[in-house]
C-alpha cells in the first residue's frame, strides 16, 4: 500500500473586498496492484460586505481512502474504519458551502449552509452482520450513494469574565444503493441522520485561582433497524421481518457536563491545577441499546398464587453511562 500526493494553491486579492483561494490536490493510492488516481480541485472565496460582515463560499472535491463502516442492525456503537482494496473503491465527494459571518453588538455570528454528495459509500448488505465468520468483510458490503445537507447557526460572546457560545444545526443525511442490494434500491436515512443538534457552552473566571464551565449537548436520536414482526420459516426457525433499513429512530440524546478548576500558582512559573468534572450532571437516561422485549403480566391463580405471562411487544432501552464524577490533578512546570 503506497500513497503519493501533490498540492498547489494560490490566493488572489482582486480588491479590498474580494479574495479567492484556489488549489488542486493530485493524489495517487496504490493497493493490491491497483492504482487509484485523482485530481481534487478546491476553491474558496470571501467578500467583505462591510467592516463587520462578510460572505464566504467554497467548493471542494475529496477522495477518501478509508471508509467508515456502520451496522444499523444493532444499536450498539460498532463502527469500523476499513481501507480501500482492489475491490472496494475510494469514496468520492463533492461539497459546496456558503455563509454569512459578522459581528453585531458584541456577538460573533455565523449562518452557513452546505450540500455534500458522495459515491462509493460503503454499507453492509442486507442480512450481513459484523460477526459473520464465513465471509470476509469485502464480501459483506456494497457501495452506493450518500447525500447530506443542512444549515448551521452559531453565536458567541464575552461578558467580562464570562464567555460562551450557542450553536444549532439542522441537517439531513440519506443513502441509496441503486443496485438494489440494500432497501430494494430505495432512499433511506443514514444512521447518523440527526435532524436537530444544539450545543451550548458557558465559561466563567471568578478570579486567577478559580474558574468553571458548563456545556449542554442535544441531538435527535440515531437510526437503527428493528424487526416489525416475527414469523416461522420453512425450516421451523423463528425469523424477524424487516420492512426497510433504518426504520426506527432512537430517543434523543442530551446531557449537561460541568467542570470546576482550582489553580494553585507556585514559584518559578510552576502551577498545580485541581479539576472536578461531572459528566451527565442530571443523570439523563441516554439510550445505548434498544432491543425488542415483551411486557410481563402478573395473573392470579385459583390457588392464591401468581403466574407471569408475556404481554404485548415493547422496546427496552439500556443506558450504560449515567452521571459520572471525576477528579484530577495536573502539575505544570
C-alpha atoms as a PDB file:
ATOM      1  CA  UNK A   1       0.000   0.000   0.000  1.00  0.00           C
ATOM      2  CA  UNK A   2       1.523   3.297  -1.141  1.00  0.00           C
ATOM      3  CA  UNK A   3       0.227   6.858  -1.360  1.00  0.00           C
ATOM      4  CA  UNK A   4       1.563   9.832  -3.309  1.00  0.00           C
ATOM      5  CA  UNK A   5       0.163  13.346  -3.188  1.00  0.00           C
ATOM      6  CA  UNK A   6       0.875  16.816  -4.515  1.00  0.00           C
ATOM      7  CA  UNK A   7      -0.889  20.037  -3.589  1.00  0.00           C
ATOM      8  CA  UNK A   8      -0.702  23.511  -5.101  1.00  0.00           C
ATOM      9  CA  UNK A   9      -2.709  26.612  -4.273  1.00  0.00           C
ATOM     10  CA  UNK A  10      -2.757  30.333  -4.898  1.00  0.00           C
ATOM     11  CA  UNK A  11      -4.537  33.224  -3.253  1.00  0.00           C
ATOM     12  CA  UNK A  12      -5.614  36.269  -5.247  1.00  0.00           C
ATOM     13  CA  UNK A  13      -6.844  39.562  -3.818  1.00  0.00           C
ATOM     14  CA  UNK A  14      -8.896  41.158  -6.600  1.00  0.00           C
ATOM     15  CA  UNK A  15      -9.551  44.244  -4.485  1.00  0.00           C
ATOM     16  CA  UNK A  16     -10.004  45.202  -0.842  1.00  0.00           C
ATOM     17  CA  UNK A  17     -13.283  43.281  -0.652  1.00  0.00           C
ATOM     18  CA  UNK A  18     -12.864  40.138  -2.760  1.00  0.00           C
ATOM     19  CA  UNK A  19     -10.329  37.387  -2.078  1.00  0.00           C
ATOM     20  CA  UNK A  20     -10.219  33.974  -3.795  1.00  0.00           C
ATOM     21  CA  UNK A  21      -8.122  30.948  -2.893  1.00  0.00           C
ATOM     22  CA  UNK A  22      -7.876  28.112  -5.428  1.00  0.00           C
ATOM     23  CA  UNK A  23      -5.898  24.894  -5.398  1.00  0.00           C
ATOM     24  CA  UNK A  24      -5.719  21.313  -6.564  1.00  0.00           C
ATOM     25  CA  UNK A  25      -4.735  18.126  -4.764  1.00  0.00           C
ATOM     26  CA  UNK A  26      -3.296  15.402  -7.001  1.00  0.00           C
ATOM     27  CA  UNK A  27      -3.422  12.029  -5.329  1.00  0.00           C
ATOM     28  CA  UNK A  28      -2.316   8.505  -6.117  1.00  0.00           C
ATOM     29  CA  UNK A  29      -3.130   5.489  -3.958  1.00  0.00           C
ATOM     30  CA  UNK A  30      -1.765   2.054  -4.857  1.00  0.00           C
ATOM     31  CA  UNK A  31      -3.191  -1.034  -3.166  1.00  0.00           C
ATOM     32  CA  UNK A  32      -3.028  -4.729  -4.105  1.00  0.00           C
ATOM     33  CA  UNK A  33      -1.598  -3.821  -7.503  1.00  0.00           C
ATOM     34  CA  UNK A  34      -4.421  -1.417  -8.381  1.00  0.00           C
ATOM     35  CA  UNK A  35      -3.826   2.353  -8.752  1.00  0.00           C
ATOM     36  CA  UNK A  36      -6.407   4.966  -7.753  1.00  0.00           C
ATOM     37  CA  UNK A  37      -5.523   8.347  -9.268  1.00  0.00           C
ATOM     38  CA  UNK A  38      -7.465  11.558  -8.732  1.00  0.00           C
ATOM     39  CA  UNK A  39      -7.402  15.329  -9.150  1.00  0.00           C
ATOM     40  CA  UNK A  40      -9.263  17.114  -6.362  1.00  0.00           C
ATOM     41  CA  UNK A  41      -9.872  20.836  -7.025  1.00  0.00           C
ATOM     42  CA  UNK A  42     -10.773  23.217  -4.189  1.00  0.00           C
ATOM     43  CA  UNK A  43     -11.783  26.869  -4.333  1.00  0.00           C
ATOM     44  CA  UNK A  44     -12.974  29.332  -1.697  1.00  0.00           C
ATOM     45  CA  UNK A  45     -13.964  32.992  -1.828  1.00  0.00           C
ATOM     46  CA  UNK A  46     -14.563  35.763   0.698  1.00  0.00           C
ATOM     47  CA  UNK A  47     -16.350  39.020   0.004  1.00  0.00           C
ATOM     48  CA  UNK A  48     -16.409  41.841   2.581  1.00  0.00           C
ATOM     49  CA  UNK A  49     -19.811  43.488   2.826  1.00  0.00           C
ATOM     50  CA  UNK A  50     -18.565  45.930   5.470  1.00  0.00           C
ATOM     51  CA  UNK A  51     -16.005  46.138   8.249  1.00  0.00           C
ATOM     52  CA  UNK A  52     -18.171  43.754  10.309  1.00  0.00           C
ATOM     53  CA  UNK A  53     -19.839  41.449   7.791  1.00  0.00           C
ATOM     54  CA  UNK A  54     -18.626  39.097   5.076  1.00  0.00           C
ATOM     55  CA  UNK A  55     -19.842  36.394   2.720  1.00  0.00           C
ATOM     56  CA  UNK A  56     -17.880  33.164   2.229  1.00  0.00           C
ATOM     57  CA  UNK A  57     -18.334  30.298  -0.225  1.00  0.00           C
ATOM     58  CA  UNK A  58     -16.350  27.180  -1.083  1.00  0.00           C
ATOM     59  CA  UNK A  59     -16.316  24.091  -3.283  1.00  0.00           C
ATOM     60  CA  UNK A  60     -14.182  21.009  -2.900  1.00  0.00           C
ATOM     61  CA  UNK A  61     -13.781  17.542  -4.330  1.00  0.00           C
ATOM     62  CA  UNK A  62     -12.416  14.905  -1.942  1.00  0.00           C
ATOM     63  CA  UNK A  63     -11.285  11.286  -2.267  1.00  0.00           C
ATOM     64  CA  UNK A  64     -11.354   9.234   0.923  1.00  0.00           C
ATOM     65  CA  UNK A  65      -9.161   6.144   1.123  1.00  0.00           C
ATOM     66  CA  UNK A  66     -10.634   4.749   4.336  1.00  0.00           C
ATOM     67  CA  UNK A  67     -14.327   4.020   4.864  1.00  0.00           C
ATOM     68  CA  UNK A  68     -16.471   4.294   7.988  1.00  0.00           C
ATOM     69  CA  UNK A  69     -18.427   1.028   8.100  1.00  0.00           C
ATOM     70  CA  UNK A  70     -21.584   1.137  10.216  1.00  0.00           C
ATOM     71  CA  UNK A  71     -24.070  -1.553  11.172  1.00  0.00           C
ATOM     72  CA  UNK A  72     -27.669  -0.477  11.701  1.00  0.00           C
ATOM     73  CA  UNK A  73     -28.973  -3.889  12.763  1.00  0.00           C
ATOM     74  CA  UNK A  74     -27.766  -3.427  16.328  1.00  0.00           C
ATOM     75  CA  UNK A  75     -27.842  -0.059  18.058  1.00  0.00           C
ATOM     76  CA  UNK A  76     -24.549  -0.674  19.848  1.00  0.00           C
ATOM     77  CA  UNK A  77     -21.701   1.623  18.776  1.00  0.00           C
ATOM     78  CA  UNK A  78     -19.808  -0.754  16.485  1.00  0.00           C
ATOM     79  CA  UNK A  79     -18.428   1.495  13.750  1.00  0.00           C
ATOM     80  CA  UNK A  80     -15.265   0.353  11.973  1.00  0.00           C
ATOM     81  CA  UNK A  81     -12.741   2.103   9.771  1.00  0.00           C
ATOM     82  CA  UNK A  82     -11.801  -0.110   6.815  1.00  0.00           C
ATOM     83  CA  UNK A  83      -9.295   0.583   3.992  1.00  0.00           C
ATOM     84  CA  UNK A  84      -9.944   0.583   0.282  1.00  0.00           C
ATOM     85  CA  UNK A  85      -8.875  -2.509  -1.654  1.00  0.00           C
ATOM     86  CA  UNK A  86      -8.741  -3.565  -5.296  1.00  0.00           C
ATOM     87  CA  UNK A  87     -12.459  -4.395  -4.934  1.00  0.00           C
ATOM     88  CA  UNK A  88     -13.582  -1.551  -2.655  1.00  0.00           C
ATOM     89  CA  UNK A  89     -13.237   1.840  -4.345  1.00  0.00           C
ATOM     90  CA  UNK A  90     -12.449   5.100  -2.532  1.00  0.00           C
ATOM     91  CA  UNK A  91     -15.355   7.368  -1.661  1.00  0.00           C
ATOM     92  CA  UNK A  92     -15.531  10.432  -3.932  1.00  0.00           C
ATOM     93  CA  UNK A  93     -17.333  13.501  -2.565  1.00  0.00           C
ATOM     94  CA  UNK A  94     -18.290  16.929  -3.846  1.00  0.00           C
ATOM     95  CA  UNK A  95     -19.153  19.586  -1.276  1.00  0.00           C
ATOM     96  CA  UNK A  96     -20.328  23.170  -1.601  1.00  0.00           C
ATOM     97  CA  UNK A  97     -20.897  25.563   1.288  1.00  0.00           C
ATOM     98  CA  UNK A  98     -21.624  29.210   1.835  1.00  0.00           C
ATOM     99  CA  UNK A  99     -22.340  31.502   4.702  1.00  0.00           C
ATOM    100  CA  UNK A 100     -22.738  34.914   6.247  1.00  0.00           C
ATOM    101  CA  UNK A 101     -20.327  35.934   9.014  1.00  0.00           C
ATOM    102  CA  UNK A 102     -20.259  39.058  11.119  1.00  0.00           C
ATOM    103  CA  UNK A 103     -20.174  40.898  14.407  1.00  0.00           C
ATOM    104  CA  UNK A 104     -23.235  42.591  15.897  1.00  0.00           C
ATOM    105  CA  UNK A 105     -23.471  44.289  19.304  1.00  0.00           C
ATOM    106  CA  UNK A 106     -20.510  42.286  20.587  1.00  0.00           C
ATOM    107  CA  UNK A 107     -21.789  38.951  19.240  1.00  0.00           C
ATOM    108  CA  UNK A 108     -19.789  36.937  16.703  1.00  0.00           C
ATOM    109  CA  UNK A 109     -22.453  35.464  14.421  1.00  0.00           C
ATOM    110  CA  UNK A 110     -22.429  32.967  11.577  1.00  0.00           C
ATOM    111  CA  UNK A 111     -25.023  31.360   9.322  1.00  0.00           C
ATOM    112  CA  UNK A 112     -23.806  28.596   6.990  1.00  0.00           C
ATOM    113  CA  UNK A 113     -25.355  26.138   4.580  1.00  0.00           C
ATOM    114  CA  UNK A 114     -23.778  23.067   2.977  1.00  0.00           C
ATOM    115  CA  UNK A 115     -24.508  20.296   0.489  1.00  0.00           C
ATOM    116  CA  UNK A 116     -22.407  17.156   0.067  1.00  0.00           C
ATOM    117  CA  UNK A 117     -22.887  14.255  -2.337  1.00  0.00           C
ATOM    118  CA  UNK A 118     -20.759  11.109  -2.396  1.00  0.00           C
ATOM    119  CA  UNK A 119     -20.417   7.913  -4.376  1.00  0.00           C
ATOM    120  CA  UNK A 120     -18.846   4.578  -3.369  1.00  0.00           C
ATOM    121  CA  UNK A 121     -20.336   4.864   0.124  1.00  0.00           C
ATOM    122  CA  UNK A 122     -19.777   1.552   1.956  1.00  0.00           C
ATOM    123  CA  UNK A 123     -22.524  -0.243   3.873  1.00  0.00           C
ATOM    124  CA  UNK A 124     -23.337  -3.791   4.982  1.00  0.00           C
ATOM    125  CA  UNK A 125     -25.563  -5.737   2.588  1.00  0.00           C
ATOM    126  CA  UNK A 126     -28.999  -6.866   3.713  1.00  0.00           C
ATOM    127  CA  UNK A 127     -28.664  -9.709   6.199  1.00  0.00           C
ATOM    128  CA  UNK A 128     -24.910  -9.239   6.687  1.00  0.00           C
ATOM    129  CA  UNK A 129     -23.505  -8.696  10.148  1.00  0.00           C
ATOM    130  CA  UNK A 130     -20.228  -7.711  11.729  1.00  0.00           C
ATOM    131  CA  UNK A 131     -19.537 -11.049  13.391  1.00  0.00           C
ATOM    132  CA  UNK A 132     -20.164 -13.396  10.461  1.00  0.00           C
ATOM    133  CA  UNK A 133     -17.156 -15.683  10.177  1.00  0.00           C
ATOM    134  CA  UNK A 134     -17.875 -17.411   6.865  1.00  0.00           C
ATOM    135  CA  UNK A 135     -17.234 -14.276   4.765  1.00  0.00           C
ATOM    136  CA  UNK A 136     -14.547 -11.614   4.767  1.00  0.00           C
ATOM    137  CA  UNK A 137     -15.690  -8.030   5.206  1.00  0.00           C
ATOM    138  CA  UNK A 138     -15.411  -7.194   1.477  1.00  0.00           C
ATOM    139  CA  UNK A 139     -17.998  -9.856   0.640  1.00  0.00           C
ATOM    140  CA  UNK A 140     -20.402  -8.461   3.241  1.00  0.00           C
ATOM    141  CA  UNK A 141     -20.518  -4.895   1.962  1.00  0.00           C
ATOM    142  CA  UNK A 142     -21.735  -2.999  -1.080  1.00  0.00           C
ATOM    143  CA  UNK A 143     -21.154   0.527  -2.375  1.00  0.00           C
ATOM    144  CA  UNK A 144     -23.659   3.217  -3.275  1.00  0.00           C
ATOM    145  CA  UNK A 145     -24.585   6.880  -2.930  1.00  0.00           C
ATOM    146  CA  UNK A 146     -24.908   9.220   0.038  1.00  0.00           C
ATOM    147  CA  UNK A 147     -26.101  12.774   0.420  1.00  0.00           C
ATOM    148  CA  UNK A 148     -26.079  15.246   3.301  1.00  0.00           C
ATOM    149  CA  UNK A 149     -27.144  18.860   3.533  1.00  0.00           C
ATOM    150  CA  UNK A 150     -28.222  21.389   6.098  1.00  0.00           C
ATOM    151  CA  UNK A 151     -27.515  24.668   7.848  1.00  0.00           C
ATOM    152  CA  UNK A 152     -25.637  25.791  10.953  1.00  0.00           C
ATOM    153  CA  UNK A 153     -26.165  28.881  13.104  1.00  0.00           C
ATOM    154  CA  UNK A 154     -23.680  29.971  15.762  1.00  0.00           C
ATOM    155  CA  UNK A 155     -23.331  32.905  18.150  1.00  0.00           C
ATOM    156  CA  UNK A 156     -20.624  33.583  20.729  1.00  0.00           C
ATOM    157  CA  UNK A 157     -19.950  36.480  23.067  1.00  0.00           C
ATOM    158  CA  UNK A 158     -17.848  37.516  26.045  1.00  0.00           C
ATOM    159  CA  UNK A 159     -19.308  39.420  29.014  1.00  0.00           C
ATOM    160  CA  UNK A 160     -16.399  40.498  31.186  1.00  0.00           C
ATOM    161  CA  UNK A 161     -15.153  37.321  32.864  1.00  0.00           C
ATOM    162  CA  UNK A 162     -17.946  35.265  31.295  1.00  0.00           C
ATOM    163  CA  UNK A 163     -17.916  33.888  27.764  1.00  0.00           C
ATOM    164  CA  UNK A 164     -19.949  31.361  25.862  1.00  0.00           C
ATOM    165  CA  UNK A 165     -21.398  30.239  22.595  1.00  0.00           C
ATOM    166  CA  UNK A 166     -24.578  28.669  21.258  1.00  0.00           C
ATOM    167  CA  UNK A 167     -24.847  26.599  18.091  1.00  0.00           C
ATOM    168  CA  UNK A 168     -27.738  24.966  16.257  1.00  0.00           C
ATOM    169  CA  UNK A 169     -27.584  22.560  13.292  1.00  0.00           C
ATOM    170  CA  UNK A 170     -30.457  21.460  11.066  1.00  0.00           C
ATOM    171  CA  UNK A 171     -29.350  18.629   8.797  1.00  0.00           C
ATOM    172  CA  UNK A 172     -30.399  15.702   6.614  1.00  0.00           C
ATOM    173  CA  UNK A 173     -28.344  12.655   5.661  1.00  0.00           C
ATOM    174  CA  UNK A 174     -29.512   9.767   3.492  1.00  0.00           C
ATOM    175  CA  UNK A 175     -28.211   6.879   1.430  1.00  0.00           C
ATOM    176  CA  UNK A 176     -29.229   4.957  -1.645  1.00  0.00           C
ATOM    177  CA  UNK A 177     -27.882   1.812  -3.290  1.00  0.00           C
ATOM    178  CA  UNK A 178     -29.247   1.699  -6.861  1.00  0.00           C
ATOM    179  CA  UNK A 179     -28.002  -1.886  -7.317  1.00  0.00           C
ATOM    180  CA  UNK A 180     -30.899  -2.930  -5.058  1.00  0.00           C
ATOM    181  CA  UNK A 181     -28.719  -4.750  -2.513  1.00  0.00           C
ATOM    182  CA  UNK A 182     -29.964  -2.505   0.317  1.00  0.00           C
ATOM    183  CA  UNK A 183     -33.552  -1.389   0.979  1.00  0.00           C
ATOM    184  CA  UNK A 184     -34.552  -2.554  -2.521  1.00  0.00           C
ATOM    185  CA  UNK A 185     -32.717   0.421  -4.006  1.00  0.00           C
ATOM    186  CA  UNK A 186     -34.861   2.994  -2.174  1.00  0.00           C
ATOM    187  CA  UNK A 187     -33.535   6.042  -0.325  1.00  0.00           C
ATOM    188  CA  UNK A 188     -33.286   5.646   3.462  1.00  0.00           C
ATOM    189  CA  UNK A 189     -31.920   7.757   6.354  1.00  0.00           C
ATOM    190  CA  UNK A 190     -28.297   7.263   7.377  1.00  0.00           C
ATOM    191  CA  UNK A 191     -27.542   6.013  10.887  1.00  0.00           C
ATOM    192  CA  UNK A 192     -26.407   9.500  11.938  1.00  0.00           C
ATOM    193  CA  UNK A 193     -29.257  11.401  10.275  1.00  0.00           C
ATOM    194  CA  UNK A 194     -29.733  13.602  13.344  1.00  0.00           C
ATOM    195  CA  UNK A 195     -32.208  16.287  12.335  1.00  0.00           C
ATOM    196  CA  UNK A 196     -31.527  18.757  15.154  1.00  0.00           C
ATOM    197  CA  UNK A 197     -28.370  19.426  17.165  1.00  0.00           C
ATOM    198  CA  UNK A 198     -27.804  22.067  19.840  1.00  0.00           C
ATOM    199  CA  UNK A 199     -24.529  22.871  21.587  1.00  0.00           C
ATOM    200  CA  UNK A 200     -24.281  25.455  24.368  1.00  0.00           C
ATOM    201  CA  UNK A 201     -21.172  26.369  26.388  1.00  0.00           C
ATOM    202  CA  UNK A 202     -20.710  28.887  29.222  1.00  0.00           C
ATOM    203  CA  UNK A 203     -17.363  29.631  30.928  1.00  0.00           C
ATOM    204  CA  UNK A 204     -16.738  31.971  33.863  1.00  0.00           C
ATOM    205  CA  UNK A 205     -13.492  33.040  35.512  1.00  0.00           C
ATOM    206  CA  UNK A 206     -14.114  34.049  39.130  1.00  0.00           C
ATOM    207  CA  UNK A 207     -10.531  35.090  39.803  1.00  0.00           C
ATOM    208  CA  UNK A 208      -7.000  33.958  38.916  1.00  0.00           C
ATOM    209  CA  UNK A 209      -7.439  30.854  41.086  1.00  0.00           C
ATOM    210  CA  UNK A 210     -10.885  29.560  40.182  1.00  0.00           C
ATOM    211  CA  UNK A 211     -12.994  29.082  37.043  1.00  0.00           C
ATOM    212  CA  UNK A 212     -15.929  26.936  35.982  1.00  0.00           C
ATOM    213  CA  UNK A 213     -17.649  25.852  32.786  1.00  0.00           C
ATOM    214  CA  UNK A 214     -20.845  24.130  31.698  1.00  0.00           C
ATOM    215  CA  UNK A 215     -21.720  22.562  28.358  1.00  0.00           C
ATOM    216  CA  UNK A 216     -25.064  21.181  27.205  1.00  0.00           C
ATOM    217  CA  UNK A 217     -25.498  18.901  24.196  1.00  0.00           C
ATOM    218  CA  UNK A 218     -28.733  17.884  22.492  1.00  0.00           C
ATOM    219  CA  UNK A 219     -29.214  15.720  19.420  1.00  0.00           C
ATOM    220  CA  UNK A 220     -32.164  13.899  17.940  1.00  0.00           C
ATOM    221  CA  UNK A 221     -31.588  10.154  18.033  1.00  0.00           C
ATOM    222  CA  UNK A 222     -29.685   7.905  15.651  1.00  0.00           C
ATOM    223  CA  UNK A 223     -31.469   5.493  13.333  1.00  0.00           C
ATOM    224  CA  UNK A 224     -31.378   1.722  13.750  1.00  0.00           C
ATOM    225  CA  UNK A 225     -33.086  -1.281  12.154  1.00  0.00           C
ATOM    226  CA  UNK A 226     -35.603  -3.372  14.092  1.00  0.00           C
ATOM    227  CA  UNK A 227     -37.866  -6.234  13.054  1.00  0.00           C
ATOM    228  CA  UNK A 228     -41.530  -5.248  12.943  1.00  0.00           C
ATOM    229  CA  UNK A 229     -42.852  -8.794  13.403  1.00  0.00           C
ATOM    230  CA  UNK A 230     -41.734 -12.415  13.717  1.00  0.00           C
ATOM    231  CA  UNK A 231     -42.552 -15.453  11.624  1.00  0.00           C
ATOM    232  CA  UNK A 232     -41.526 -19.113  11.345  1.00  0.00           C
ATOM    233  CA  UNK A 233     -39.706 -20.061   8.141  1.00  0.00           C
ATOM    234  CA  UNK A 234     -39.994 -23.356   6.235  1.00  0.00           C
ATOM    235  CA  UNK A 235     -37.229 -24.839   8.412  1.00  0.00           C
ATOM    236  CA  UNK A 236     -39.157 -24.137  11.599  1.00  0.00           C
ATOM    237  CA  UNK A 237     -36.830 -21.305  12.625  1.00  0.00           C
ATOM    238  CA  UNK A 238     -38.167 -18.049  14.031  1.00  0.00           C
ATOM    239  CA  UNK A 239     -37.203 -15.059  11.875  1.00  0.00           C
ATOM    240  CA  UNK A 240     -37.794 -11.306  12.028  1.00  0.00           C
ATOM    241  CA  UNK A 241     -39.491  -9.438   9.206  1.00  0.00           C
ATOM    242  CA  UNK A 242     -37.799  -6.108   8.429  1.00  0.00           C
ATOM    243  CA  UNK A 243     -39.709  -3.778   6.123  1.00  0.00           C
ATOM    244  CA  UNK A 244     -36.888  -1.290   5.441  1.00  0.00           C
ATOM    245  CA  UNK A 245     -33.391  -0.234   6.518  1.00  0.00           C
ATOM    246  CA  UNK A 246     -33.146   2.159   9.477  1.00  0.00           C
ATOM    247  CA  UNK A 247     -36.839   2.046  10.337  1.00  0.00           C
ATOM    248  CA  UNK A 248     -36.597   3.158  13.981  1.00  0.00           C
ATOM    249  CA  UNK A 249     -35.321   6.424  15.430  1.00  0.00           C
ATOM    250  CA  UNK A 250     -33.771   6.093  18.883  1.00  0.00           C
ATOM    251  CA  UNK A 251     -34.656   8.564  21.660  1.00  0.00           C
ATOM    252  CA  UNK A 252     -32.994  11.975  21.670  1.00  0.00           C
ATOM    253  CA  UNK A 253     -29.571  12.301  23.289  1.00  0.00           C
ATOM    254  CA  UNK A 254     -28.809  15.123  25.702  1.00  0.00           C
ATOM    255  CA  UNK A 255     -26.592  15.764  28.704  1.00  0.00           C
ATOM    256  CA  UNK A 256     -25.063  18.527  30.833  1.00  0.00           C
ATOM    257  CA  UNK A 257     -21.342  18.452  31.686  1.00  0.00           C
ATOM    258  CA  UNK A 258     -19.824  20.608  34.440  1.00  0.00           C
ATOM    259  CA  UNK A 259     -16.180  21.405  35.154  1.00  0.00           C
ATOM    260  CA  UNK A 260     -14.512  23.294  38.027  1.00  0.00           C
ATOM    261  CA  UNK A 261     -10.819  24.237  38.143  1.00  0.00           C
ATOM    262  CA  UNK A 262      -8.713  25.485  41.033  1.00  0.00           C
ATOM    263  CA  UNK A 263      -5.276  26.902  40.097  1.00  0.00           C
ATOM    264  CA  UNK A 264      -2.509  26.985  42.665  1.00  0.00           C
ATOM    265  CA  UNK A 265       0.343  29.147  41.394  1.00  0.00           C
ATOM    266  CA  UNK A 266       3.806  28.232  42.624  1.00  0.00           C
ATOM    267  CA  UNK A 267       7.238  29.755  42.339  1.00  0.00           C
ATOM    268  CA  UNK A 268       9.258  29.783  39.098  1.00  0.00           C
ATOM    269  CA  UNK A 269       6.114  29.658  36.943  1.00  0.00           C
ATOM    270  CA  UNK A 270       5.030  26.245  38.187  1.00  0.00           C
ATOM    271  CA  UNK A 271       1.360  25.577  38.778  1.00  0.00           C
ATOM    272  CA  UNK A 272      -0.940  22.871  40.111  1.00  0.00           C
ATOM    273  CA  UNK A 273      -4.483  22.502  38.757  1.00  0.00           C
ATOM    274  CA  UNK A 274      -7.214  20.660  40.661  1.00  0.00           C
ATOM    275  CA  UNK A 275     -10.184  19.692  38.493  1.00  0.00           C
ATOM    276  CA  UNK A 276     -13.631  18.363  39.381  1.00  0.00           C
ATOM    277  CA  UNK A 277     -15.767  17.298  36.416  1.00  0.00           C
ATOM    278  CA  UNK A 278     -19.292  15.914  36.296  1.00  0.00           C
ATOM    279  CA  UNK A 279     -20.407  14.062  33.158  1.00  0.00           C
ATOM    280  CA  UNK A 280     -24.182  13.996  32.552  1.00  0.00           C
ATOM    281  CA  UNK A 281     -24.850  16.102  35.653  1.00  0.00           C
ATOM    282  CA  UNK A 282     -28.619  15.487  35.726  1.00  0.00           C
ATOM    283  CA  UNK A 283     -28.139  11.759  35.004  1.00  0.00           C
ATOM    284  CA  UNK A 284     -30.334  11.589  31.935  1.00  0.00           C
ATOM    285  CA  UNK A 285     -31.000   8.094  30.569  1.00  0.00           C
ATOM    286  CA  UNK A 286     -29.341   8.224  27.129  1.00  0.00           C
ATOM    287  CA  UNK A 287     -30.128   5.044  25.210  1.00  0.00           C
ATOM    288  CA  UNK A 288     -27.055   2.957  24.469  1.00  0.00           C
ATOM    289  CA  UNK A 289     -29.003  -0.028  23.170  1.00  0.00           C
ATOM    290  CA  UNK A 290     -32.616  -0.581  22.137  1.00  0.00           C
ATOM    291  CA  UNK A 291     -33.916  -4.141  21.975  1.00  0.00           C
ATOM    292  CA  UNK A 292     -37.318  -5.818  21.460  1.00  0.00           C
ATOM    293  CA  UNK A 293     -38.940  -7.412  24.508  1.00  0.00           C
ATOM    294  CA  UNK A 294     -42.378  -8.168  25.965  1.00  0.00           C
ATOM    295  CA  UNK A 295     -44.379  -6.850  28.863  1.00  0.00           C
ATOM    296  CA  UNK A 296     -44.586  -9.206  31.820  1.00  0.00           C
ATOM    297  CA  UNK A 297     -48.153  -9.671  33.073  1.00  0.00           C
ATOM    298  CA  UNK A 298     -48.831 -10.967  36.566  1.00  0.00           C
ATOM    299  CA  UNK A 299     -52.036 -13.016  36.794  1.00  0.00           C
ATOM    300  CA  UNK A 300     -53.547 -14.553  39.962  1.00  0.00           C
ATOM    301  CA  UNK A 301     -54.239 -18.291  40.050  1.00  0.00           C
ATOM    302  CA  UNK A 302     -57.164 -20.179  41.561  1.00  0.00           C
ATOM    303  CA  UNK A 303     -54.986 -21.416  44.426  1.00  0.00           C
ATOM    304  CA  UNK A 304     -53.899 -17.956  45.556  1.00  0.00           C
ATOM    305  CA  UNK A 305     -50.592 -17.706  43.727  1.00  0.00           C
ATOM    306  CA  UNK A 306     -49.460 -15.812  40.661  1.00  0.00           C
ATOM    307  CA  UNK A 307     -48.171 -16.695  37.224  1.00  0.00           C
ATOM    308  CA  UNK A 308     -46.250 -14.466  34.846  1.00  0.00           C
ATOM    309  CA  UNK A 309     -47.106 -14.330  31.151  1.00  0.00           C
ATOM    310  CA  UNK A 310     -45.741 -12.474  28.173  1.00  0.00           C
ATOM    311  CA  UNK A 311     -47.763  -9.420  27.201  1.00  0.00           C
ATOM    312  CA  UNK A 312     -47.614  -7.164  24.177  1.00  0.00           C
ATOM    313  CA  UNK A 313     -44.265  -6.472  22.479  1.00  0.00           C
ATOM    314  CA  UNK A 314     -42.317  -3.470  23.783  1.00  0.00           C
ATOM    315  CA  UNK A 315     -38.901  -1.916  23.236  1.00  0.00           C
ATOM    316  CA  UNK A 316     -36.454  -1.750  26.107  1.00  0.00           C
ATOM    317  CA  UNK A 317     -33.718   0.849  26.311  1.00  0.00           C
ATOM    318  CA  UNK A 318     -30.383   0.266  28.035  1.00  0.00           C
ATOM    319  CA  UNK A 319     -28.284   3.090  29.473  1.00  0.00           C
ATOM    320  CA  UNK A 320     -24.637   2.443  30.393  1.00  0.00           C
ATOM    321  CA  UNK A 321     -23.244   5.843  31.404  1.00  0.00           C
ATOM    322  CA  UNK A 322     -25.378   7.814  33.899  1.00  0.00           C
ATOM    323  CA  UNK A 323     -23.853  10.625  35.987  1.00  0.00           C
ATOM    324  CA  UNK A 324     -20.052  10.213  36.272  1.00  0.00           C
ATOM    325  CA  UNK A 325     -17.988  12.482  38.530  1.00  0.00           C
ATOM    326  CA  UNK A 326     -14.206  12.606  38.116  1.00  0.00           C
ATOM    327  CA  UNK A 327     -11.339  14.276  39.934  1.00  0.00           C
ATOM    328  CA  UNK A 328      -7.854  15.031  38.611  1.00  0.00           C
ATOM    329  CA  UNK A 329      -4.692  16.950  39.403  1.00  0.00           C
ATOM    330  CA  UNK A 330      -2.281  18.443  36.851  1.00  0.00           C
ATOM    331  CA  UNK A 331       1.159  19.801  37.669  1.00  0.00           C
ATOM    332  CA  UNK A 332       2.777  22.176  35.161  1.00  0.00           C
ATOM    333  CA  UNK A 333       6.478  23.032  35.270  1.00  0.00           C
END
